[in-house]
Amino acid sequence: DTRLQAEAYIGQGEACLAAGNREKEALTRFLIVDVVPSLAQHGDLHAQALYQLAQLWPAVGQPVRGAEASAKLEQDYPNSEWAKKLSGQ
């Protein structure tokens, strides 16, 4: 079940963030949801992964990739809770 897989990667990413000092591991988990088409098809989870990537890429020295994730989130999911959270609404 691809939805379950995407949820698992999101959960792993969140766990890495909660553990602290594991941004690169978290980034990898969220990135999988972004780049694997069968996982990215679940829009709500893909939007969440993009939001997290927008936050994490700059933290690991990749601000351009963070901006790309932000733009993709705002373009593909403009009405999502994650796009609203990104814009501070």
PDB file of N, CA and C in Angstrom:
ATOM      1  N   ASP A   1       0.847  -1.184   0.000  1.00  0.00           N
ATOM      2  CA  ASP A   1       0.000   0.000   0.000  1.00  0.00           C
ATOM      3  C   ASP A   1       0.890   1.245   0.000  1.00  0.00           C
ATOM      4  N   THR A   2       0.824   2.009  -1.069  1.00  0.00           N
ATOM      5  CA  THR A   2       1.709   3.160  -1.195  1.00  0.00           C
ATOM      6  C   THR A   2       1.381   4.260  -0.191  1.00  0.00           C
ATOM      7  N   ARG A   3       0.118   4.406   0.159  1.00  0.00           N
ATOM      8  CA  ARG A   3      -0.232   5.428   1.159  1.00  0.00           C
ATOM      9  C   ARG A   3       0.422   5.089   2.499  1.00  0.00           C
ATOM     10  N   LEU A   4       0.355   3.842   2.884  1.00  0.00           N
ATOM     11  CA  LEU A   4       0.974   3.410   4.136  1.00  0.00           C
ATOM     12  C   LEU A   4       2.487   3.633   4.098  1.00  0.00           C
ATOM     13  N   GLN A   5       3.103   3.358   2.962  1.00  0.00           N
ATOM     14  CA  GLN A   5       4.539   3.591   2.825  1.00  0.00           C
ATOM     15  C   GLN A   5       4.863   5.075   2.982  1.00  0.00           C
ATOM     16  N   ALA A   6       4.085   5.923   2.325  1.00  0.00           N
ATOM     17  CA  ALA A   6       4.320   7.364   2.431  1.00  0.00           C
ATOM     18  C   ALA A   6       4.134   7.831   3.872  1.00  0.00           C
ATOM     19  N   GLU A   7       3.098   7.333   4.532  1.00  0.00           N
ATOM     20  CA  GLU A   7       2.873   7.687   5.937  1.00  0.00           C
ATOM     21  C   GLU A   7       4.046   7.243   6.806  1.00  0.00           C
ATOM     22  N   ALA A   8       4.600   6.070   6.504  1.00  0.00           N
ATOM     23  CA  ALA A   8       5.731   5.566   7.281  1.00  0.00           C
ATOM     24  C   ALA A   8       6.959   6.464   7.106  1.00  0.00           C
ATOM     25  N   TYR A   9       7.231   6.883   5.876  1.00  0.00           N
ATOM     26  CA  TYR A   9       8.377   7.775   5.654  1.00  0.00           C
ATOM     27  C   TYR A   9       8.170   9.122   6.339  1.00  0.00           C
ATOM     28  N   ILE A  10       6.950   9.643   6.293  1.00  0.00           N
ATOM     29  CA  ILE A  10       6.651  10.898   6.992  1.00  0.00           C
ATOM     30  C   ILE A  10       6.869  10.708   8.493  1.00  0.00           C
ATOM     31  N   GLY A  11       6.375   9.620   9.028  1.00  0.00           N
ATOM     32  CA  GLY A  11       6.537   9.338  10.455  1.00  0.00           C
ATOM     33  C   GLY A  11       7.997   9.197  10.850  1.00  0.00           C
ATOM     34  N   GLN A  12       8.775   8.534  10.011  1.00  0.00           N
ATOM     35  CA  GLN A  12      10.200   8.398  10.295  1.00  0.00           C
ATOM     36  C   GLN A  12      10.890   9.754  10.277  1.00  0.00           C
ATOM     37  N   GLY A  13      10.524  10.576   9.312  1.00  0.00           N
ATOM     38  CA  GLY A  13      11.104  11.919   9.244  1.00  0.00           C
ATOM     39  C   GLY A  13      10.760  12.735  10.475  1.00  0.00           C
ATOM     40  N   GLU A  14       9.515  12.674  10.906  1.00  0.00           N
ATOM     41  CA  GLU A  14       9.103  13.399  12.104  1.00  0.00           C
ATOM     42  C   GLU A  14       9.840  12.880  13.334  1.00  0.00           C
ATOM     43  N   ALA A  15      10.038  11.569  13.406  1.00  0.00           N
ATOM     44  CA  ALA A  15      10.762  10.987  14.539  1.00  0.00           C
ATOM     45  C   ALA A  15      12.215  11.463  14.560  1.00  0.00           C
ATOM     46  N   CYS A  16      12.823  11.552  13.397  1.00  0.00           N
ATOM     47  CA  CYS A  16      14.201  12.058  13.325  1.00  0.00           C
ATOM     48  C   CYS A  16      14.264  13.499  13.809  1.00  0.00           C
ATOM     49  N   LEU A  17      13.292  14.307  13.416  1.00  0.00           N
ATOM     50  CA  LEU A  17      13.265  15.704  13.864  1.00  0.00           C
ATOM     51  C   LEU A  17      13.054  15.787  15.373  1.00  0.00           C
ATOM     52  N   ALA A  18      12.169  14.957  15.884  1.00  0.00           N
ATOM     53  CA  ALA A  18      11.883  14.975  17.319  1.00  0.00           C
ATOM     54  C   ALA A  18      13.096  14.534  18.136  1.00  0.00           C
ATOM     55  N   ALA A  19      13.906  13.650  17.568  1.00  0.00           N
ATOM     56  CA  ALA A  19      15.094  13.161  18.267  1.00  0.00           C
ATOM     57  C   ALA A  19      16.166  14.236  18.365  1.00  0.00           C
ATOM     58  N   GLY A  20      16.097  15.206  17.466  1.00  0.00           N
ATOM     59  CA  GLY A  20      17.072  16.298  17.478  1.00  0.00           C
ATOM     60  C   GLY A  20      18.372  15.926  16.798  1.00  0.00           C
ATOM     61  N   ASN A  21      18.959  16.899  16.124  1.00  0.00           N
ATOM     62  CA  ASN A  21      20.261  16.754  15.485  1.00  0.00           C
ATOM     63  C   ASN A  21      20.307  15.618  14.460  1.00  0.00           C
ATOM     64  N   ARG A  22      19.170  15.338  13.828  1.00  0.00           N
ATOM     65  CA  ARG A  22      19.117  14.290  12.799  1.00  0.00           C
ATOM     66  C   ARG A  22      18.426  14.838  11.548  1.00  0.00           C
ATOM     67  N   GLU A  23      18.748  16.084  11.211  1.00  0.00           N
ATOM     68  CA  GLU A  23      18.099  16.748  10.093  1.00  0.00           C
ATOM     69  C   GLU A  23      18.346  16.032   8.765  1.00  0.00           C
ATOM     70  N   LYS A  24      19.567  15.558   8.552  1.00  0.00           N
ATOM     71  CA  LYS A  24      19.868  14.889   7.285  1.00  0.00           C
ATOM     72  C   LYS A  24      19.072  13.602   7.128  1.00  0.00           C
ATOM     73  N   GLU A  25      18.918  12.861   8.212  1.00  0.00           N
ATOM     74  CA  GLU A  25      18.114  11.638   8.151  1.00  0.00           C
ATOM     75  C   GLU A  25      16.655  11.970   7.875  1.00  0.00           C
ATOM     76  N   ALA A  26      16.152  12.995   8.538  1.00  0.00           N
ATOM     77  CA  ALA A  26      14.772  13.422   8.330  1.00  0.00           C
ATOM     78  C   ALA A  26      14.581  13.864   6.881  1.00  0.00           C
ATOM     79  N   LEU A  27      15.516  14.648   6.384  1.00  0.00           N
ATOM     80  CA  LEU A  27      15.443  15.140   5.020  1.00  0.00           C
ATOM     81  C   LEU A  27      15.329  13.976   4.038  1.00  0.00           C
ATOM     82  N   THR A  28      16.117  12.947   4.247  1.00  0.00           N
ATOM     83  CA  THR A  28      16.093  11.789   3.352  1.00  0.00           C
ATOM     84  C   THR A  28      14.709  11.145   3.328  1.00  0.00           C
ATOM     85  N   ARG A  29      14.087  11.012   4.483  1.00  0.00           N
ATOM     86  CA  ARG A  29      12.760  10.380   4.554  1.00  0.00           C
ATOM     87  C   ARG A  29      11.716  11.204   3.802  1.00  0.00           C
ATOM     88  N   PHE A  30      11.730  12.528   4.022  1.00  0.00           N
ATOM     89  CA  PHE A  30      10.770  13.389   3.340  1.00  0.00           C
ATOM     90  C   PHE A  30      11.056  13.442   1.838  1.00  0.00           C
ATOM     91  N   LEU A  31      12.315  13.404   1.473  1.00  0.00           N
ATOM     92  CA  LEU A  31      12.699  13.447   0.070  1.00  0.00           C
ATOM     93  C   LEU A  31      12.179  12.221  -0.682  1.00  0.00           C
ATOM     94  N   ILE A  32      12.178  11.084  -0.041  1.00  0.00           N
ATOM     95  CA  ILE A  32      11.654   9.865  -0.673  1.00  0.00           C
ATOM     96  C   ILE A  32      10.196  10.069  -1.075  1.00  0.00           C
ATOM     97  N   VAL A  33       9.417  10.680  -0.186  1.00  0.00           N
ATOM     98  CA  VAL A  33       8.003  10.923  -0.489  1.00  0.00           C
ATOM     99  C   VAL A  33       7.874  11.898  -1.663  1.00  0.00           C
ATOM    100  N   ASP A  34       8.803  12.816  -1.774  1.00  0.00           N
ATOM    101  CA  ASP A  34       8.758  13.779  -2.872  1.00  0.00           C
ATOM    102  C   ASP A  34       9.127  13.156  -4.209  1.00  0.00           C
ATOM    103  N   VAL A  35      10.135  12.332  -4.256  1.00  0.00           N
ATOM    104  CA  VAL A  35      10.679  11.883  -5.545  1.00  0.00           C
ATOM    105  C   VAL A  35      10.135  10.555  -6.057  1.00  0.00           C
ATOM    106  N   VAL A  36       9.524   9.756  -5.207  1.00  0.00           N
ATOM    107  CA  VAL A  36       8.962   8.481  -5.660  1.00  0.00           C
ATOM    108  C   VAL A  36       7.515   8.733  -6.102  1.00  0.00           C
ATOM    109  N   PRO A  37       7.240   8.627  -7.399  1.00  0.00           N
ATOM    110  CA  PRO A  37       5.908   8.984  -7.903  1.00  0.00           C
ATOM    111  C   PRO A  37       4.749   8.262  -7.213  1.00  0.00           C
ATOM    112  N   SER A  38       4.915   6.992  -6.892  1.00  0.00           N
ATOM    113  CA  SER A  38       3.811   6.263  -6.262  1.00  0.00           C
ATOM    114  C   SER A  38       3.520   6.779  -4.851  1.00  0.00           C
ATOM    115  N   LEU A  39       4.504   7.406  -4.226  1.00  0.00           N
ATOM    116  CA  LEU A  39       4.287   7.990  -2.895  1.00  0.00           C
ATOM    117  C   LEU A  39       3.799   9.432  -3.017  1.00  0.00           C
ATOM    118  N   ALA A  40       4.337  10.162  -3.982  1.00  0.00           N
ATOM    119  CA  ALA A  40       3.980  11.571  -4.176  1.00  0.00           C
ATOM    120  C   ALA A  40       2.545  11.739  -4.661  1.00  0.00           C
ATOM    121  N   GLN A  41       1.938  10.664  -5.152  1.00  0.00           N
ATOM    122  CA  GLN A  41       0.554  10.759  -5.636  1.00  0.00           C
ATOM    123  C   GLN A  41      -0.437  11.051  -4.511  1.00  0.00           C
ATOM    124  N   HIS A  42      -0.041  10.842  -3.279  1.00  0.00           N
ATOM    125  CA  HIS A  42      -0.905  11.122  -2.125  1.00  0.00           C
ATOM    126  C   HIS A  42      -0.674  12.582  -1.733  1.00  0.00           C
ATOM    127  N   GLY A  43      -1.492  13.454  -2.292  1.00  0.00           N
ATOM    128  CA  GLY A  43      -1.280  14.888  -2.214  1.00  0.00           C
ATOM    129  C   GLY A  43      -1.084  15.446  -0.826  1.00  0.00           C
ATOM    130  N   ASP A  44      -1.885  14.992   0.132  1.00  0.00           N
ATOM    131  CA  ASP A  44      -1.753  15.534   1.488  1.00  0.00           C
ATOM    132  C   ASP A  44      -0.390  15.195   2.088  1.00  0.00           C
ATOM    133  N   LEU A  45       0.082  13.995   1.838  1.00  0.00           N
ATOM    134  CA  LEU A  45       1.382  13.575   2.371  1.00  0.00           C
ATOM    135  C   LEU A  45       2.522  14.213   1.584  1.00  0.00           C
ATOM    136  N   HIS A  46       2.339  14.356   0.285  1.00  0.00           N
ATOM    137  CA  HIS A  46       3.356  15.011  -0.531  1.00  0.00           C
ATOM    138  C   HIS A  46       3.505  16.469  -0.103  1.00  0.00           C
ATOM    139  N   ALA A  47       2.388  17.132   0.149  1.00  0.00           N
ATOM    140  CA  ALA A  47       2.436  18.524   0.606  1.00  0.00           C
ATOM    141  C   ALA A  47       3.181  18.631   1.937  1.00  0.00           C
ATOM    142  N   GLN A  48       2.934  17.705   2.827  1.00  0.00           N
ATOM    143  CA  GLN A  48       3.632  17.721   4.115  1.00  0.00           C
ATOM    144  C   GLN A  48       5.128  17.506   3.919  1.00  0.00           C
ATOM    145  N   ALA A  49       5.487  16.584   3.054  1.00  0.00           N
ATOM    146  CA  ALA A  49       6.907  16.328   2.778  1.00  0.00           C
ATOM    147  C   ALA A  49       7.568  17.565   2.182  1.00  0.00           C
ATOM    148  N   LEU A  50       6.886  18.236   1.259  1.00  0.00           N
ATOM    149  CA  LEU A  50       7.447  19.449   0.662  1.00  0.00           C
ATOM    150  C   LEU A  50       7.627  20.542   1.703  1.00  0.00           C
ATOM    151  N   TYR A  51       6.680  20.683   2.595  1.00  0.00           N
ATOM    152  CA  TYR A  51       6.804  21.678   3.667  1.00  0.00           C
ATOM    153  C   TYR A  51       8.057  21.400   4.499  1.00  0.00           C
ATOM    154  N   GLN A  52       8.229  20.146   4.879  1.00  0.00           N
ATOM    155  CA  GLN A  52       9.387  19.782   5.696  1.00  0.00           C
ATOM    156  C   GLN A  52      10.687  20.000   4.919  1.00  0.00           C
ATOM    157  N   LEU A  53      10.682  19.667   3.636  1.00  0.00           N
ATOM    158  CA  LEU A  53      11.875  19.879   2.819  1.00  0.00           C
ATOM    159  C   LEU A  53      12.207  21.365   2.716  1.00  0.00           C
ATOM    160  N   ALA A  54      11.180  22.196   2.603  1.00  0.00           N
ATOM    161  CA  ALA A  54      11.402  23.645   2.533  1.00  0.00           C
ATOM    162  C   ALA A  54      12.086  24.150   3.794  1.00  0.00           C
ATOM    163  N   GLN A  55      11.823  23.502   4.922  1.00  0.00           N
ATOM    164  CA  GLN A  55      12.440  23.882   6.181  1.00  0.00           C
ATOM    165  C   GLN A  55      13.841  23.272   6.342  1.00  0.00           C
ATOM    166  N   LEU A  56      13.992  22.044   5.874  1.00  0.00           N
ATOM    167  CA  LEU A  56      15.227  21.301   6.127  1.00  0.00           C
ATOM    168  C   LEU A  56      16.365  21.610   5.163  1.00  0.00           C
ATOM    169  N   TRP A  57      16.065  21.847   3.892  1.00  0.00           N
ATOM    170  CA  TRP A  57      17.151  22.106   2.945  1.00  0.00           C
ATOM    171  C   TRP A  57      18.029  23.263   3.399  1.00  0.00           C
ATOM    172  N   PRO A  58      17.466  24.404   3.801  1.00  0.00           N
ATOM    173  CA  PRO A  58      18.349  25.490   4.274  1.00  0.00           C
ATOM    174  C   PRO A  58      19.166  25.100   5.512  1.00  0.00           C
ATOM    175  N   ALA A  59      18.592  24.257   6.354  1.00  0.00           N
ATOM    176  CA  ALA A  59      19.288  23.838   7.581  1.00  0.00           C
ATOM    177  C   ALA A  59      20.523  22.995   7.288  1.00  0.00           C
ATOM    178  N   VAL A  60      20.559  22.389   6.105  1.00  0.00           N
ATOM    179  CA  VAL A  60      21.729  21.583   5.734  1.00  0.00           C
ATOM    180  C   VAL A  60      22.554  22.274   4.643  1.00  0.00           C
ATOM    181  N   GLY A  61      22.372  23.588   4.519  1.00  0.00           N
ATOM    182  CA  GLY A  61      23.198  24.362   3.604  1.00  0.00           C
ATOM    183  C   GLY A  61      22.747  24.370   2.154  1.00  0.00           C
ATOM    184  N   GLN A  62      21.479  24.074   1.901  1.00  0.00           N
ATOM    185  CA  GLN A  62      20.955  24.040   0.533  1.00  0.00           C
ATOM    186  C   GLN A  62      19.730  24.956   0.405  1.00  0.00           C
ATOM    187  N   PRO A  63      19.927  26.271   0.570  1.00  0.00           N
ATOM    188  CA  PRO A  63      18.772  27.180   0.540  1.00  0.00           C
ATOM    189  C   PRO A  63      18.036  27.204  -0.802  1.00  0.00           C
ATOM    190  N   VAL A  64      18.734  26.995  -1.895  1.00  0.00           N
ATOM    191  CA  VAL A  64      18.078  26.999  -3.205  1.00  0.00           C
ATOM    192  C   VAL A  64      17.091  25.838  -3.300  1.00  0.00           C
ATOM    193  N   ARG A  65      17.502  24.686  -2.828  1.00  0.00           N
ATOM    194  CA  ARG A  65      16.601  23.527  -2.852  1.00  0.00           C
ATOM    195  C   ARG A  65      15.408  23.759  -1.930  1.00  0.00           C
ATOM    196  N   GLY A  66      15.636  24.463  -0.821  1.00  0.00           N
ATOM    197  CA  GLY A  66      14.533  24.821   0.062  1.00  0.00           C
ATOM    198  C   GLY A  66      13.531  25.717  -0.639  1.00  0.00           C
ATOM    199  N   ALA A  67      14.034  26.686  -1.388  1.00  0.00           N
ATOM    200  CA  ALA A  67      13.161  27.590  -2.148  1.00  0.00           C
ATOM    201  C   ALA A  67      12.400  26.823  -3.228  1.00  0.00           C
ATOM    202  N   GLU A  68      13.063  25.850  -3.843  1.00  0.00           N
ATOM    203  CA  GLU A  68      12.391  25.026  -4.861  1.00  0.00           C
ATOM    204  C   GLU A  68      11.262  24.211  -4.238  1.00  0.00           C
ATOM    205  N   ALA A  69      11.490  23.651  -3.064  1.00  0.00           N
ATOM    206  CA  ALA A  69      10.449  22.884  -2.379  1.00  0.00           C
ATOM    207  C   ALA A  69       9.277  23.796  -2.003  1.00  0.00           C
ATOM    208  N   SER A  70       9.586  24.995  -1.542  1.00  0.00           N
ATOM    209  CA  SER A  70       8.535  25.971  -1.204  1.00  0.00           C
ATOM    210  C   SER A  70       7.695  26.303  -2.434  1.00  0.00           C
ATOM    211  N   ALA A  71       8.367  26.574  -3.547  1.00  0.00           N
ATOM    212  CA  ALA A  71       7.666  26.930  -4.781  1.00  0.00           C
ATOM    213  C   ALA A  71       6.789  25.781  -5.267  1.00  0.00           C
ATOM    214  N   LYS A  72       7.308  24.567  -5.171  1.00  0.00           N
ATOM    215  CA  LYS A  72       6.543  23.399  -5.609  1.00  0.00           C
ATOM    216  C   LYS A  72       5.312  23.210  -4.723  1.00  0.00           C
ATOM    217  N   LEU A  73       5.479  23.395  -3.427  1.00  0.00           N
ATOM    218  CA  LEU A  73       4.353  23.285  -2.493  1.00  0.00           C
ATOM    219  C   LEU A  73       3.288  24.324  -2.832  1.00  0.00           C
ATOM    220  N   GLU A  74       3.709  25.564  -3.021  1.00  0.00           N
ATOM    221  CA  GLU A  74       2.753  26.632  -3.296  1.00  0.00           C
ATOM    222  C   GLU A  74       2.087  26.468  -4.660  1.00  0.00           C
ATOM    223  N   GLN A  75       2.808  25.915  -5.619  1.00  0.00           N
ATOM    224  CA  GLN A  75       2.243  25.712  -6.955  1.00  0.00           C
ATOM    225  C   GLN A  75       1.287  24.514  -6.990  1.00  0.00           C
ATOM    226  N   ASP A  76       1.725  23.392  -6.429  1.00  0.00           N
ATOM    227  CA  ASP A  76       0.947  22.155  -6.541  1.00  0.00           C
ATOM    228  C   ASP A  76      -0.169  22.023  -5.511  1.00  0.00           C
ATOM    229  N   TYR A  77       0.013  22.638  -4.354  1.00  0.00           N
ATOM    230  CA  TYR A  77      -0.953  22.477  -3.255  1.00  0.00           C
ATOM    231  C   TYR A  77      -1.251  23.827  -2.592  1.00  0.00           C
ATOM    232  N   PRO A  78      -1.687  24.818  -3.363  1.00  0.00           N
ATOM    233  CA  PRO A  78      -1.841  26.174  -2.803  1.00  0.00           C
ATOM    234  C   PRO A  78      -2.856  26.287  -1.671  1.00  0.00           C
ATOM    235  N   ASN A  79      -3.827  25.404  -1.629  1.00  0.00           N
ATOM    236  CA  ASN A  79      -4.865  25.479  -0.602  1.00  0.00           C
ATOM    237  C   ASN A  79      -4.647  24.511   0.550  1.00  0.00           C
ATOM    238  N   SER A  80      -3.513  23.848   0.558  1.00  0.00           N
ATOM    239  CA  SER A  80      -3.250  22.871   1.615  1.00  0.00           C
ATOM    240  C   SER A  80      -2.892  23.566   2.924  1.00  0.00           C
ATOM    241  N   GLU A  81      -3.093  22.849   4.007  1.00  0.00           N
ATOM    242  CA  GLU A  81      -2.695  23.388   5.319  1.00  0.00           C
ATOM    243  C   GLU A  81      -1.196  23.666   5.365  1.00  0.00           C
ATOM    244  N   TRP A  82      -0.421  22.889   4.604  1.00  0.00           N
ATOM    245  CA  TRP A  82       1.037  23.032   4.621  1.00  0.00           C
ATOM    246  C   TRP A  82       1.478  24.291   3.882  1.00  0.00           C
ATOM    247  N   ALA A  83       0.802  24.621   2.785  1.00  0.00           N
ATOM    248  CA  ALA A  83       1.111  25.857   2.066  1.00  0.00           C
ATOM    249  C   ALA A  83       0.736  27.060   2.941  1.00  0.00           C
ATOM    250  N   LYS A  84      -0.389  26.953   3.627  1.00  0.00           N
ATOM    251  CA  LYS A  84      -0.812  28.029   4.517  1.00  0.00           C
ATOM    252  C   LYS A  84       0.173  28.191   5.674  1.00  0.00           C
ATOM    253  N   LYS A  85       0.630  27.073   6.210  1.00  0.00           N
ATOM    254  CA  LYS A  85       1.598  27.122   7.301  1.00  0.00           C
ATOM    255  C   LYS A  85       2.917  27.735   6.816  1.00  0.00           C
ATOM    256  N   LEU A  86       3.312  27.403   5.603  1.00  0.00           N
ATOM    257  CA  LEU A  86       4.541  27.942   5.032  1.00  0.00           C
ATOM    258  C   LEU A  86       4.459  29.459   4.885  1.00  0.00           C
ATOM    259  N   SER A  87       3.294  29.941   4.499  1.00  0.00           N
ATOM    260  CA  SER A  87       3.145  31.383   4.304  1.00  0.00           C
ATOM    261  C   SER A  87       2.740  32.106   5.583  1.00  0.00           C
ATOM    262  N   GLY A  88       2.630  31.364   6.674  1.00  0.00           N
ATOM    263  CA  GLY A  88       2.336  31.967   7.966  1.00  0.00           C
ATOM    264  C   GLY A  88       0.876  32.269   8.213  1.00  0.00           C
ATOM    265  N   GLN A  89      -0.012  31.652   7.470  1.00  0.00           N
ATOM    266  CA  GLN A  89      -1.449  31.885   7.664  1.00  0.00           C
ATOM    267  C   GLN A  89      -2.026  30.967   8.708  1.00  0.00           C
TER     268      GLN A  89
END
